[in-house]
C-alpha atoms as a PDB file:
ATOM      1  CA  MET A   1     130.376 160.313 -76.126  1.00  0.00           C
ATOM      2  CA  THR A   2     131.544 157.903 -73.446  1.00  0.00           C
ATOM      3  CA  ASN A   3     134.560 160.089 -72.674  1.00  0.00           C
ATOM      4  CA  SER A   4     132.308 163.147 -72.339  1.00  0.00           C
ATOM      5  CA  LYS A   5     129.998 161.332 -69.908  1.00  0.00           C
ATOM      6  CA  SER A   6     132.952 160.067 -67.872  1.00  0.00           C
ATOM      7  CA  LYS A   7     134.419 163.548 -67.726  1.00  0.00           C
ATOM      8  CA  GLN A   8     131.106 164.938 -66.484  1.00  0.00           C
ATOM      9  CA  GLN A   9     130.947 162.329 -63.732  1.00  0.00           C
ATOM     10  CA  ASN A  10     134.508 163.146 -62.675  1.00  0.00           C
ATOM     11  CA  ASN A  11     133.654 166.855 -62.533  1.00  0.00           C
ATOM     12  CA  THR A  12     130.586 166.104 -60.390  1.00  0.00           C
ATOM     13  CA  ALA A  13     132.627 163.948 -58.039  1.00  0.00           C
ATOM     14  CA  SER A  14     135.252 166.694 -57.717  1.00  0.00           C
ATOM     15  CA  LEU A  15     132.538 169.233 -56.912  1.00  0.00           C
ATOM     16  CA  VAL A  16     131.147 166.962 -54.212  1.00  0.00           C
ATOM     17  CA  TRP A  17     134.614 166.568 -52.664  1.00  0.00           C
ATOM     18  CA  ILE A  18     135.072 170.341 -52.743  1.00  0.00           C
ATOM     19  CA  VAL A  19     131.675 171.093 -51.187  1.00  0.00           C
ATOM     20  CA  SER A  20     131.595 168.188 -48.715  1.00  0.00           C
ATOM     21  CA  PRO A  21     134.420 169.394 -46.409  1.00  0.00           C
ATOM     22  CA  HIS A  22     132.732 172.796 -46.079  1.00  0.00           C
ATOM     23  CA  LEU A  23     129.380 171.158 -45.486  1.00  0.00           C
ATOM     24  CA  PHE A  24     130.947 168.806 -42.953  1.00  0.00           C
ATOM     25  CA  TYR A  25     132.542 171.645 -40.989  1.00  0.00           C
ATOM     26  CA  LEU A  26     129.290 173.631 -41.088  1.00  0.00           C
ATOM     27  CA  ILE A  27     127.274 170.717 -39.707  1.00  0.00           C
ATOM     28  CA  ALA A  28     129.928 169.933 -37.089  1.00  0.00           C
ATOM     29  CA  THR A  29     129.991 173.578 -35.970  1.00  0.00           C
ATOM     30  CA  MET A  30     126.208 173.675 -35.682  1.00  0.00           C
ATOM     31  CA  ILE A  31     126.180 170.485 -33.609  1.00  0.00           C
ATOM     32  CA  LEU A  32     128.921 171.835 -31.316  1.00  0.00           C
ATOM     33  CA  LEU A  33     127.122 175.147 -30.798  1.00  0.00           C
ATOM     34  CA  THR A  34     123.852 173.355 -30.076  1.00  0.00           C
ATOM     35  CA  ALA A  35     125.598 171.086 -27.541  1.00  0.00           C
ATOM     36  CA  CYS A  36     127.227 174.074 -25.843  1.00  0.00           C
ATOM     37  CA  ARG A  37     123.920 175.931 -25.616  1.00  0.00           C
ATOM     38  CA  SER A  38     122.226 172.818 -24.291  1.00  0.00           C
ATOM     39  CA  GLU A  39     124.923 172.249 -21.639  1.00  0.00           C
ATOM     40  CA  LYS A  40     124.718 175.899 -20.583  1.00  0.00           C
ATOM     41  CA  ALA A  41     120.925 175.777 -20.385  1.00  0.00           C
ATOM     42  CA  GLU A  42     120.965 172.576 -18.356  1.00  0.00           C
ATOM     43  CA  SER A  43     123.259 174.123 -15.759  1.00  0.00           C
ATOM     44  CA  GLN A  44     121.744 177.595 -15.483  1.00  0.00           C
ATOM     45  CA  MET A  45     119.819 179.065 -12.546  1.00  0.00           C
ATOM     46  CA  ILE A  46     118.214 182.502 -12.629  1.00  0.00           C
ATOM     47  CA  LEU A  47     117.365 184.555  -9.543  1.00  0.00           C
ATOM     48  CA  THR A  48     115.829 188.012  -9.207  1.00  0.00           C
ATOM     49  CA  VAL A  49     116.654 189.950  -6.045  1.00  0.00           C
ATOM     50  CA  ALA A  50     115.619 193.425  -4.939  1.00  0.00           C
ATOM     51  CA  LYS A  51     117.947 194.137  -2.060  1.00  0.00           C
ATOM     52  CA  GLU A  52     121.177 196.091  -1.809  1.00  0.00           C
ATOM     53  CA  LYS A  53     123.072 193.027  -0.618  1.00  0.00           C
ATOM     54  CA  ALA A  54     122.676 189.585  -2.177  1.00  0.00           C
ATOM     55  CA  VAL A  55     124.147 186.445  -0.624  1.00  0.00           C
ATOM     56  CA  ILE A  56     124.384 183.155  -2.514  1.00  0.00           C
ATOM     57  CA  GLU A  57     125.940 179.951  -1.238  1.00  0.00           C
ATOM     58  CA  LEU A  58     126.637 176.970  -3.487  1.00  0.00           C
ATOM     59  CA  ARG A  59     127.758 173.399  -3.074  1.00  0.00           C
ATOM     60  CA  GLY A  60     128.660 170.799  -5.688  1.00  0.00           C
ATOM     61  CA  ASN A  61     131.549 169.651  -7.849  1.00  0.00           C
ATOM     62  CA  GLY A  62     133.802 171.481 -10.267  1.00  0.00           C
ATOM     63  CA  ARG A  63     133.423 175.172 -10.936  1.00  0.00           C
ATOM     64  CA  ALA A  64     130.700 177.790 -11.170  1.00  0.00           C
ATOM     65  CA  SER A  65     130.194 181.381 -12.277  1.00  0.00           C
ATOM     66  CA  ILE A  66     127.812 184.123 -11.146  1.00  0.00           C
ATOM     67  CA  ASP A  67     126.656 187.066 -13.251  1.00  0.00           C
ATOM     68  CA  TRP A  68     125.244 189.532 -10.716  1.00  0.00           C
ATOM     69  CA  GLY A  69     123.202 191.374 -13.351  1.00  0.00           C
ATOM     70  CA  ASP A  70     124.884 194.770 -13.021  1.00  0.00           C
ATOM     71  CA  GLY A  71     127.958 194.141 -15.145  1.00  0.00           C
ATOM     72  CA  THR A  72     129.810 192.367 -12.331  1.00  0.00           C
ATOM     73  CA  LYS A  73     130.774 188.698 -12.541  1.00  0.00           C
ATOM     74  CA  ASP A  74     132.436 186.133 -10.315  1.00  0.00           C
ATOM     75  CA  GLU A  75     133.787 183.643 -12.806  1.00  0.00           C
ATOM     76  CA  ASN A  76     135.084 180.101 -12.698  1.00  0.00           C
ATOM     77  CA  PHE A  77     135.357 179.682  -8.917  1.00  0.00           C
ATOM     78  CA  LYS A  78     135.651 176.273  -7.319  1.00  0.00           C
ATOM     79  CA  ILE A  79     132.741 174.645  -5.512  1.00  0.00           C
ATOM     80  CA  SER A  80     132.957 171.734  -3.090  1.00  0.00           C
ATOM     81  CA  PRO A  81     130.534 168.884  -2.301  1.00  0.00           C
ATOM     82  CA  ARG A  82     131.312 169.277   1.419  1.00  0.00           C
ATOM     83  CA  TYR A  83     131.475 173.034   2.025  1.00  0.00           C
ATOM     84  CA  TYR A  84     129.373 175.947   0.809  1.00  0.00           C
ATOM     85  CA  SER A  85     131.032 178.657  -1.229  1.00  0.00           C
ATOM     86  CA  TYR A  86     130.003 182.034   0.183  1.00  0.00           C
ATOM     87  CA  ASN A  87     129.341 184.630  -2.515  1.00  0.00           C
ATOM     88  CA  THR A  88     128.113 188.113  -1.704  1.00  0.00           C
ATOM     89  CA  HIS A  89     127.503 191.214  -3.776  1.00  0.00           C
ATOM     90  CA  ILE A  90     126.603 194.822  -2.944  1.00  0.00           C
ATOM     91  CA  TYR A  91     124.426 196.755  -5.407  1.00  0.00           C
ATOM     92  CA  SER A  92     124.306 200.509  -5.726  1.00  0.00           C
ATOM     93  CA  ASP A  93     120.491 200.493  -5.486  1.00  0.00           C
ATOM     94  CA  THR A  94     117.578 198.332  -4.390  1.00  0.00           C
ATOM     95  CA  LEU A  95     116.082 197.843  -7.826  1.00  0.00           C
ATOM     96  CA  PRO A  96     115.437 194.267  -9.024  1.00  0.00           C
ATOM     97  CA  HIS A  97     118.545 192.608 -10.434  1.00  0.00           C
ATOM     98  CA  THR A  98     118.622 189.314 -12.346  1.00  0.00           C
ATOM     99  CA  ILE A  99     121.397 186.969 -11.241  1.00  0.00           C
ATOM    100  CA  THR A 100     122.521 184.109 -13.482  1.00  0.00           C
ATOM    101  CA  ILE A 101     124.417 181.161 -12.013  1.00  0.00           C
ATOM    102  CA  ILE A 102     126.239 178.704 -14.276  1.00  0.00           C
ATOM    103  CA  GLY A 103     127.608 175.391 -13.002  1.00  0.00           C
ATOM    104  CA  LYS A 104     126.543 172.012 -14.304  1.00  0.00           C
ATOM    105  CA  ASN A 105     127.340 170.145 -11.059  1.00  0.00           C
ATOM    106  CA  ILE A 106     125.671 172.414  -8.492  1.00  0.00           C
ATOM    107  CA  THR A 107     123.837 170.262  -5.941  1.00  0.00           C
ATOM    108  CA  ALA A 108     122.897 172.873  -3.328  1.00  0.00           C
ATOM    109  CA  LEU A 109     121.722 176.488  -3.466  1.00  0.00           C
ATOM    110  CA  LEU A 110     121.234 178.804  -0.482  1.00  0.00           C
ATOM    111  CA  CYS A 111     119.843 182.301  -0.899  1.00  0.00           C
ATOM    112  CA  LEU A 112     118.757 183.642   2.475  1.00  0.00           C
ATOM    113  CA  ASP A 113     117.338 187.034   3.375  1.00  0.00           C
ATOM    114  CA  SER A 114     118.146 188.597  -0.019  1.00  0.00           C
ATOM    115  CA  LEU A 115     114.641 189.797  -0.975  1.00  0.00           C
ATOM    116  CA  LEU A 116     114.459 187.082  -3.605  1.00  0.00           C
ATOM    117  CA  ILE A 117     111.319 187.702  -5.691  1.00  0.00           C
ATOM    118  CA  ASP A 118     111.757 185.169  -8.511  1.00  0.00           C
ATOM    119  CA  LEU A 119     113.653 181.909  -8.973  1.00  0.00           C
ATOM    120  CA  ASP A 120     114.069 179.636 -11.999  1.00  0.00           C
ATOM    121  CA  ILE A 121     115.871 176.375 -11.234  1.00  0.00           C
ATOM    122  CA  SER A 122     114.119 174.284 -13.889  1.00  0.00           C
ATOM    123  CA  ASN A 123     117.386 173.620 -15.732  1.00  0.00           C
ATOM    124  CA  ASN A 124     119.341 172.385 -12.720  1.00  0.00           C
ATOM    125  CA  LEU A 125     118.315 168.747 -12.523  1.00  0.00           C
ATOM    126  CA  LYS A 126     121.110 167.801 -10.075  1.00  0.00           C
ATOM    127  CA  LEU A 127     119.920 170.096  -7.300  1.00  0.00           C
ATOM    128  CA  LYS A 128     119.452 168.159  -4.026  1.00  0.00           C
ATOM    129  CA  ASP A 129     119.312 170.910  -1.412  1.00  0.00           C
ATOM    130  CA  LEU A 130     117.409 174.201  -1.842  1.00  0.00           C
ATOM    131  CA  ARG A 131     117.137 176.816   0.904  1.00  0.00           C
ATOM    132  CA  VAL A 132     115.484 180.133   0.109  1.00  0.00           C
ATOM    133  CA  ILE A 133     114.453 181.256   3.583  1.00  0.00           C
ATOM    134  CA  ASN A 134     113.176 184.726   4.487  1.00  0.00           C
ATOM    135  CA  ASN A 135     112.570 186.144   1.041  1.00  0.00           C
ATOM    136  CA  GLN A 136     109.559 187.407  -0.956  1.00  0.00           C
ATOM    137  CA  LEU A 137     108.780 184.479  -3.240  1.00  0.00           C
ATOM    138  CA  THR A 138     105.133 184.190  -4.301  1.00  0.00           C
ATOM    139  CA  ASN A 139     105.795 181.175  -6.522  1.00  0.00           C
ATOM    140  CA  LEU A 140     108.263 178.287  -6.408  1.00  0.00           C
ATOM    141  CA  ASP A 141     108.420 175.701  -9.194  1.00  0.00           C
ATOM    142  CA  VAL A 142     110.390 172.563  -8.280  1.00  0.00           C
ATOM    143  CA  ALA A 143     108.620 170.146 -10.643  1.00  0.00           C
ATOM    144  CA  LYS A 144     111.783 169.530 -12.694  1.00  0.00           C
ATOM    145  CA  ASN A 145     114.022 169.143  -9.638  1.00  0.00           C
ATOM    146  CA  ILE A 146     113.281 165.484  -8.987  1.00  0.00           C
ATOM    147  CA  ALA A 147     116.627 164.950  -7.201  1.00  0.00           C
ATOM    148  CA  LEU A 148     115.635 167.303  -4.360  1.00  0.00           C
ATOM    149  CA  VAL A 149     116.180 165.737  -0.946  1.00  0.00           C
ATOM    150  CA  SER A 150     115.833 168.858   1.208  1.00  0.00           C
ATOM    151  CA  LEU A 151     113.675 171.948   0.598  1.00  0.00           C
ATOM    152  CA  ASP A 152     113.434 174.913   2.952  1.00  0.00           C
ATOM    153  CA  CYS A 153     111.277 177.762   1.648  1.00  0.00           C
ATOM    154  CA  GLY A 154     110.108 179.157   4.973  1.00  0.00           C
ATOM    155  CA  TYR A 155     109.225 182.820   5.537  1.00  0.00           C
ATOM    156  CA  ASN A 156     108.070 183.696   2.029  1.00  0.00           C
ATOM    157  CA  GLN A 157     104.715 184.626   0.447  1.00  0.00           C
ATOM    158  CA  LEU A 158     103.795 181.260  -1.060  1.00  0.00           C
ATOM    159  CA  THR A 159     100.107 180.420  -1.462  1.00  0.00           C
ATOM    160  CA  ASN A 160     100.757 177.135  -3.265  1.00  0.00           C
ATOM    161  CA  LEU A 161     103.535 174.543  -3.251  1.00  0.00           C
ATOM    162  CA  ASP A 162     103.469 171.585  -5.641  1.00  0.00           C
ATOM    163  CA  ILE A 163     105.913 168.865  -4.588  1.00  0.00           C
ATOM    164  CA  SER A 164     104.145 165.966  -6.283  1.00  0.00           C
ATOM    165  CA  LYS A 165     107.152 165.290  -8.545  1.00  0.00           C
ATOM    166  CA  ASN A 166     109.695 165.337  -5.710  1.00  0.00           C
ATOM    167  CA  SER A 167     109.456 161.753  -4.499  1.00  0.00           C
ATOM    168  CA  ALA A 168     113.065 161.802  -3.186  1.00  0.00           C
ATOM    169  CA  LEU A 169     112.245 164.589  -0.729  1.00  0.00           C
ATOM    170  CA  MET A 170     113.166 163.738   2.871  1.00  0.00           C
ATOM    171  CA  SER A 171     112.941 167.146   4.521  1.00  0.00           C
ATOM    172  CA  LEU A 172     110.339 169.844   3.819  1.00  0.00           C
ATOM    173  CA  ARG A 173     110.239 173.123   5.719  1.00  0.00           C
ATOM    174  CA  CYS A 174     107.622 175.511   4.387  1.00  0.00           C
ATOM    175  CA  ARG A 175     106.677 177.328   7.592  1.00  0.00           C
ATOM    176  CA  ASN A 176     105.465 180.931   7.687  1.00  0.00           C
ATOM    177  CA  ASN A 177     103.869 181.188   4.273  1.00  0.00           C
ATOM    178  CA  HIS A 178     100.225 181.502   3.163  1.00  0.00           C
ATOM    179  CA  LEU A 179      99.565 177.896   2.193  1.00  0.00           C
ATOM    180  CA  THR A 180      95.940 176.777   2.334  1.00  0.00           C
ATOM    181  CA  ASN A 181      96.661 173.275   1.043  1.00  0.00           C
ATOM    182  CA  LEU A 182      99.665 170.950   1.134  1.00  0.00           C
ATOM    183  CA  ASP A 183      99.669 167.586  -0.619  1.00  0.00           C
ATOM    184  CA  VAL A 184     102.498 165.326   0.588  1.00  0.00           C
ATOM    185  CA  SER A 185     100.951 162.041  -0.550  1.00  0.00           C
ATOM    186  CA  LYS A 186     103.653 161.492  -3.206  1.00  0.00           C
ATOM    187  CA  ASN A 187     106.503 162.196  -0.791  1.00  0.00           C
ATOM    188  CA  THR A 188     106.746 158.769   0.793  1.00  0.00           C
ATOM    189  CA  ASN A 189     110.411 159.282   1.792  1.00  0.00           C
ATOM    190  CA  LEU A 190     109.581 162.335   3.874  1.00  0.00           C
ATOM    191  CA  LYS A 191     111.106 162.179   7.363  1.00  0.00           C
ATOM    192  CA  GLU A 192     110.710 165.785   8.434  1.00  0.00           C
ATOM    193  CA  LEU A 193     107.748 168.091   7.773  1.00  0.00           C
ATOM    194  CA  TYR A 194     107.567 171.566   9.211  1.00  0.00           C
ATOM    195  CA  CYS A 195     104.526 173.421   7.858  1.00  0.00           C
ATOM    196  CA  GLY A 196     103.646 175.601  10.837  1.00  0.00           C
ATOM    197  CA  ASN A 197     102.262 179.136  10.573  1.00  0.00           C
ATOM    198  CA  ASN A 198     100.261 178.695   7.403  1.00  0.00           C
ATOM    199  CA  GLN A 199      96.517 178.588   6.693  1.00  0.00           C
ATOM    200  CA  LEU A 200      96.012 174.831   6.373  1.00  0.00           C
ATOM    201  CA  THR A 201      92.595 173.449   7.287  1.00  0.00           C
ATOM    202  CA  ASN A 202      93.603 169.794   6.889  1.00  0.00           C
ATOM    203  CA  LEU A 203      96.734 167.711   6.465  1.00  0.00           C
ATOM    204  CA  ASP A 204      96.958 164.111   5.279  1.00  0.00           C
ATOM    205  CA  VAL A 205     100.141 162.238   6.222  1.00  0.00           C
ATOM    206  CA  SER A 206      98.726 158.725   5.816  1.00  0.00           C
ATOM    207  CA  LYS A 207     101.160 157.959   2.970  1.00  0.00           C
ATOM    208  CA  ASN A 208     104.200 159.283   4.831  1.00  0.00           C
ATOM    209  CA  THR A 209     105.273 156.078   6.562  1.00  0.00           C
ATOM    210  CA  ALA A 210     108.879 157.309   7.008  1.00  0.00           C
ATOM    211  CA  LEU A 211     107.821 160.428   8.905  1.00  0.00           C
ATOM    212  CA  GLU A 212     109.697 161.036  12.171  1.00  0.00           C
ATOM    213  CA  TRP A 213     109.138 164.705  12.907  1.00  0.00           C
ATOM    214  CA  LEU A 214     106.025 166.806  12.281  1.00  0.00           C
ATOM    215  CA  ASN A 215     105.209 170.408  13.134  1.00  0.00           C
ATOM    216  CA  PHE A 216     101.913 171.914  11.985  1.00  0.00           C
ATOM    217  CA  SER A 217     101.512 174.540  14.713  1.00  0.00           C
ATOM    218  CA  ASN A 218      99.467 177.682  14.133  1.00  0.00           C
ATOM    219  CA  ASN A 219      97.315 176.598  11.217  1.00  0.00           C
ATOM    220  CA  ASN A 220      93.524 176.435  10.868  1.00  0.00           C
ATOM    221  CA  LEU A 221      92.972 172.743  11.595  1.00  0.00           C
ATOM    222  CA  SER A 222      89.901 172.027  13.679  1.00  0.00           C
ATOM    223  CA  GLU A 223      89.905 169.569  16.568  1.00  0.00           C
ATOM    224  CA  THR A 224      88.275 167.006  14.280  1.00  0.00           C
ATOM    225  CA  ALA A 225      90.890 167.545  11.564  1.00  0.00           C
ATOM    226  CA  ILE A 226      93.745 167.103  14.054  1.00  0.00           C
ATOM    227  CA  ASN A 227      92.251 163.912  15.467  1.00  0.00           C
ATOM    228  CA  GLU A 228      91.814 162.564  11.926  1.00  0.00           C
ATOM    229  CA  LEU A 229      95.464 163.343  11.250  1.00  0.00           C
ATOM    230  CA  PHE A 230      96.471 161.473  14.417  1.00  0.00           C
ATOM    231  CA  SER A 231      94.397 158.447  13.392  1.00  0.00           C
ATOM    232  CA  THR A 232      96.251 158.092  10.073  1.00  0.00           C
ATOM    233  CA  LEU A 233      99.780 158.281  11.554  1.00  0.00           C
ATOM    234  CA  HIS A 234     101.990 155.237  11.187  1.00  0.00           C
ATOM    235  CA  SER A 235     102.675 153.210  14.347  1.00  0.00           C
ATOM    236  CA  MET A 236     106.461 153.525  14.533  1.00  0.00           C
ATOM    237  CA  GLY A 237     106.390 156.725  16.542  1.00  0.00           C
ATOM    238  CA  GLY A 238     107.960 160.133  16.195  1.00  0.00           C
ATOM    239  CA  ILE A 239     107.609 163.685  17.493  1.00  0.00           C
ATOM    240  CA  ILE A 240     104.723 166.067  16.824  1.00  0.00           C
ATOM    241  CA  TYR A 241     104.653 169.767  17.646  1.00  0.00           C
ATOM    242  CA  LEU A 242     101.343 171.607  17.688  1.00  0.00           C
ATOM    243  CA  SER A 243      99.974 174.793  19.222  1.00  0.00           C
ATOM    244  CA  THR A 244      96.691 173.658  20.751  1.00  0.00           C
ATOM    245  CA  ASP A 245      95.463 171.332  23.447  1.00  0.00           C
ATOM    246  CA  ASN A 246      92.057 171.040  21.792  1.00  0.00           C
ATOM    247  CA  CYS A 247      92.612 167.553  20.420  1.00  0.00           C
ATOM    248  CA  ASP A 248      92.840 163.955  21.580  1.00  0.00           C
ATOM    249  CA  LYS A 249      96.598 163.499  21.934  1.00  0.00           C
ATOM    250  CA  SER A 250      96.112 159.943  23.180  1.00  0.00           C
ATOM    251  CA  ILE A 251      95.339 158.839  19.597  1.00  0.00           C
ATOM    252  CA  ALA A 252      98.895 159.725  18.551  1.00  0.00           C
ATOM    253  CA  LYS A 253     100.494 158.584  21.800  1.00  0.00           C
ATOM    254  CA  LYS A 254      99.030 155.098  21.420  1.00  0.00           C
ATOM    255  CA  LYS A 255     100.972 154.873  18.161  1.00  0.00           C
ATOM    256  CA  GLY A 256     104.231 155.763  19.861  1.00  0.00           C
ATOM    257  CA  TRP A 257     104.245 159.488  19.050  1.00  0.00           C
ATOM    258  CA  MET A 258     105.383 162.138  21.480  1.00  0.00           C
ATOM    259  CA  VAL A 259     103.037 165.139  21.273  1.00  0.00           C
ATOM    260  CA  ILE A 260     104.437 168.489  22.374  1.00  0.00           C
ATOM    261  CA  VAL A 261     102.241 171.563  22.672  1.00  0.00           C
ATOM    262  CA  GLU A 262     104.573 174.463  21.886  1.00  0.00           C
ATOM    263  CA  GLU A 263     102.999 176.709  24.490  1.00  0.00           C
ATOM    264  CA  ASP A 264     104.251 174.234  27.118  1.00  0.00           C
ATOM    265  CA  LYS A 265     107.823 175.249  26.260  1.00  0.00           C
ATOM    266  CA  LYS A 266     107.355 178.900  27.100  1.00  0.00           C
END
């Protein structure tokens, strides 16, 4: 009886040793695949363009790849932290094409004048510099891109821009959109703000104590709103550009600010 029980235990142990290696390799494979998918997702940017010619410039470390969305790929090219890689592609039509960029150390993305209509950069957490000027974006989500230092999204179709999560932002250029409101109260590192040619009726920069350069020309701020803005400026001085003389510029000048009416430069 004892021998029978011992034999059964030995058989069970042998079965475990037989199954365990297979189970181990299965689990290890699953973990590796999950890690690879996660790394790919964390480094992926997706753009949709609707122009015959698309131009994308990248900066960062290591290597990157671009899938142009029409069966053409530029794979494993080197990117530099100092110089932009210039990547261009010609499509055979002007239909929307989805471009996928892979590169886990991309810190800057430029896509200018490419009829960009959609952009997903939520998985690129290392992005510091984003320039998407002169496109057709109606929405831009940068909530996950907390490393952003410079954002230029001028000449698009934006009606809203939430930068409340981008506390590292030092330069914001969102001119020539359709913004009716712009909250920069969380952007205390902001040095440069160019929000001209929008539809703003007020602008509060009282929290922006690092601000050095401000342009809010051609908006819908009343004389009262402009004077209120001047009264909340910090007292370390800077440069302001505006497009009207209907305000009390002395309020800003007493705080060390140079006020330039853009019409004076014509």
